[in-house]
Protein backbone atom coordinates (compact mmCIF):
# COMPACT_ATOMS: atom_id res chain seq x y z
CA MET A 1 96.35 109.75 128.62
CA THR A 2 97.63 112.61 126.52
CA THR A 3 101.31 113.13 125.96
CA GLY A 4 101.46 116.84 125.22
CA THR A 5 101.89 116.13 121.51
CA ALA A 6 98.83 117.12 119.55
CA GLY A 7 97.02 114.11 118.12
CA VAL A 8 99.17 111.49 119.94
CA TRP A 9 97.36 109.17 122.33
CA GLU A 10 99.68 106.69 123.96
CA ARG A 11 98.56 103.58 125.82
CA GLN A 12 100.28 103.83 129.21
CA ASP A 13 99.46 102.48 132.63
CA PRO A 14 101.27 104.48 135.37
CA ARG A 15 102.14 101.24 137.20
CA GLN A 16 105.04 98.97 136.19
CA VAL A 17 102.87 96.42 134.41
CA ALA A 18 102.68 95.17 130.87
CA ASN A 19 100.47 97.09 128.45
CA THR A 20 99.19 95.93 125.10
CA LEU A 21 98.21 97.29 121.73
CA LYS A 22 95.92 95.08 119.60
CA ARG A 23 94.73 95.36 116.02
CA THR A 24 92.46 93.09 113.98
CA THR A 25 93.40 93.33 110.33
CA ARG A 26 91.23 92.02 107.49
CA PHE A 27 92.18 91.31 103.85
CA ASN A 28 89.79 93.98 102.64
CA ASP A 29 90.58 96.85 105.09
CA VAL A 30 90.81 100.13 103.19
CA GLY A 31 94.47 100.87 102.48
CA ILE A 32 95.75 97.45 103.57
CA GLY A 33 97.87 97.04 100.44
CA ALA A 34 99.08 100.65 100.30
CA SER A 35 102.71 101.46 100.95
CA ASN A 36 101.93 102.71 104.47
CA GLY A 37 99.30 100.05 105.26
CA VAL A 38 96.52 100.64 107.80
CA VAL A 39 97.59 102.63 110.84
CA TRP A 40 96.57 101.43 114.30
CA ASP A 41 94.45 103.51 116.69
CA ASN A 42 97.12 104.06 119.36
CA TYR A 43 100.83 104.84 119.59
CA LEU A 44 103.52 102.93 121.40
CA PRO A 45 104.87 105.53 123.87
CA GLN A 46 108.39 106.88 123.66
CA SER A 47 110.83 104.58 125.52
CA ALA A 48 108.29 101.71 125.65
CA PHE A 49 110.08 98.38 126.14
CA ILE A 50 108.52 95.89 123.69
CA LEU A 51 108.32 92.54 125.43
CA ARG A 52 106.53 90.35 122.90
CA VAL A 53 104.68 90.46 119.60
CA LEU A 54 102.08 87.79 118.75
CA THR A 55 99.96 87.40 115.63
CA GLU A 56 97.07 85.01 115.29
CA ILE A 57 95.82 84.05 111.82
CA VAL A 58 92.10 83.63 112.57
CA THR A 59 91.05 83.17 108.93
CA VAL A 60 93.62 82.28 106.29
CA PHE A 61 94.52 84.80 103.58
CA ASN A 62 93.78 83.19 100.23
CA ALA A 63 95.23 85.19 97.36
CA VAL A 64 96.38 82.74 94.70
CA THR A 65 100.06 83.67 94.33
CA THR A 66 101.42 85.87 97.17
CA ASN A 67 100.18 86.36 100.73
CA VAL A 68 102.38 88.44 103.05
CA TYR A 69 101.25 90.01 106.32
CA THR A 70 103.53 92.51 108.10
CA VAL A 71 103.37 95.13 110.86
CA GLY A 72 105.70 98.05 111.40
CA SER A 73 106.44 101.71 111.71
CA ASN A 74 108.98 102.03 108.89
CA ALA A 75 107.35 103.91 105.99
CA GLY A 76 106.93 101.90 102.82
CA SER A 77 108.15 98.54 104.15
CA ILE A 78 105.93 98.31 107.26
CA ASN A 79 107.92 95.29 108.51
CA ASN A 80 110.10 96.23 111.49
CA ILE A 81 107.71 94.72 114.07
CA VAL A 82 106.31 91.70 112.22
CA ALA A 83 108.43 90.76 109.17
CA ALA A 84 107.26 88.67 106.21
CA GLY A 85 108.80 85.44 107.53
CA ASP A 86 107.33 85.78 111.03
CA VAL A 87 103.77 84.78 110.08
CA ASN A 88 102.32 82.27 107.63
CA PRO A 89 99.09 83.86 106.42
CA LEU A 90 98.12 80.58 104.75
CA ALA A 91 97.92 78.62 108.03
CA LEU A 92 95.79 79.15 111.13
CA GLY A 93 97.76 79.58 114.30
CA VAL A 94 99.56 81.93 116.67
CA TYR A 95 102.99 83.20 115.61
CA GLU A 96 105.55 84.98 117.74
CA SER A 97 107.92 87.49 116.17
CA THR A 98 111.21 86.49 117.70
CA ARG A 99 113.53 89.46 117.16
CA SER A 100 114.79 91.39 120.19
CA TYR A 101 112.96 94.69 120.37
CA GLY A 102 113.40 96.28 123.77
CA ARG A 103 113.38 100.09 123.34
CA ALA A 104 115.01 100.05 119.89
CA LEU A 105 111.93 101.23 118.01
CA THR A 106 110.69 103.75 120.59
CA ALA A 107 113.92 105.22 121.99
CA SER A 108 113.54 108.62 120.31
CA ALA A 109 109.79 109.02 119.82
CA ALA A 110 106.36 107.43 120.16
CA ILE A 111 105.55 105.27 117.12
CA LEU A 112 102.29 104.48 115.41
CA PRO A 113 102.26 100.90 114.09
CA ALA A 114 100.56 99.94 110.84
CA SER A 115 99.48 96.61 109.32
CA LYS A 116 100.06 95.69 105.70
CA TYR A 117 98.91 92.80 103.49
CA THR A 118 100.62 92.21 100.18
CA GLN A 119 98.99 89.90 97.66
CA SER A 120 99.38 89.00 94.00
CA GLY A 121 97.63 86.76 91.54
CA THR A 122 93.91 86.29 92.06
CA ALA A 123 92.84 88.64 94.85
CA ALA A 124 92.09 87.33 98.32
CA THR A 125 88.50 86.84 99.45
CA THR A 126 89.34 85.84 103.03
CA GLY A 127 91.90 86.69 105.67
CA VAL A 128 91.91 87.94 109.28
CA ALA A 129 94.96 88.50 111.50
CA ILE A 130 95.02 89.75 115.10
CA THR A 131 98.33 91.23 116.27
CA VAL A 132 99.10 92.04 119.93
CA ILE A 133 102.15 94.08 120.95
CA GLU A 134 103.00 93.67 124.63
CA PHE A 135 105.13 96.43 126.13
CA GLU A 136 106.16 97.95 129.46
CA GLY A 137 106.01 101.59 130.37
CA GLY A 138 107.34 104.23 128.19
CA TRP A 139 109.12 105.99 131.03
CA ALA A 140 112.36 107.89 131.13
CA THR A 141 114.15 105.22 133.19
């Protein structure tokens, strides 16, 4: 549903139930290594209460020296939702980001997450991560 802000589409269910945002990120997505990463398709609504963040490494990232996968809304760093130590891009599995989020990231405005993959050495030829952000509401109370 629209929010009244031009170009902002928030994922909100009018009932008090959990909502999710999901993004599949690949090692070769256009802009994945750029300072602002690859933006997701939908915003987290203002005042959304982030309950949980899970990332599954479906295919390992295989750059020779450095493999770092992050998600965030902080320009340049892109790491305030999934930080570098939260996920091991070299091992298959599901990883939970364990920091306390609540409304901290969305208290003042809707945010548009982005995914970022940093690599060095010989470039990666594989790598797929799926991140799910589970949140409630985005309501004034």
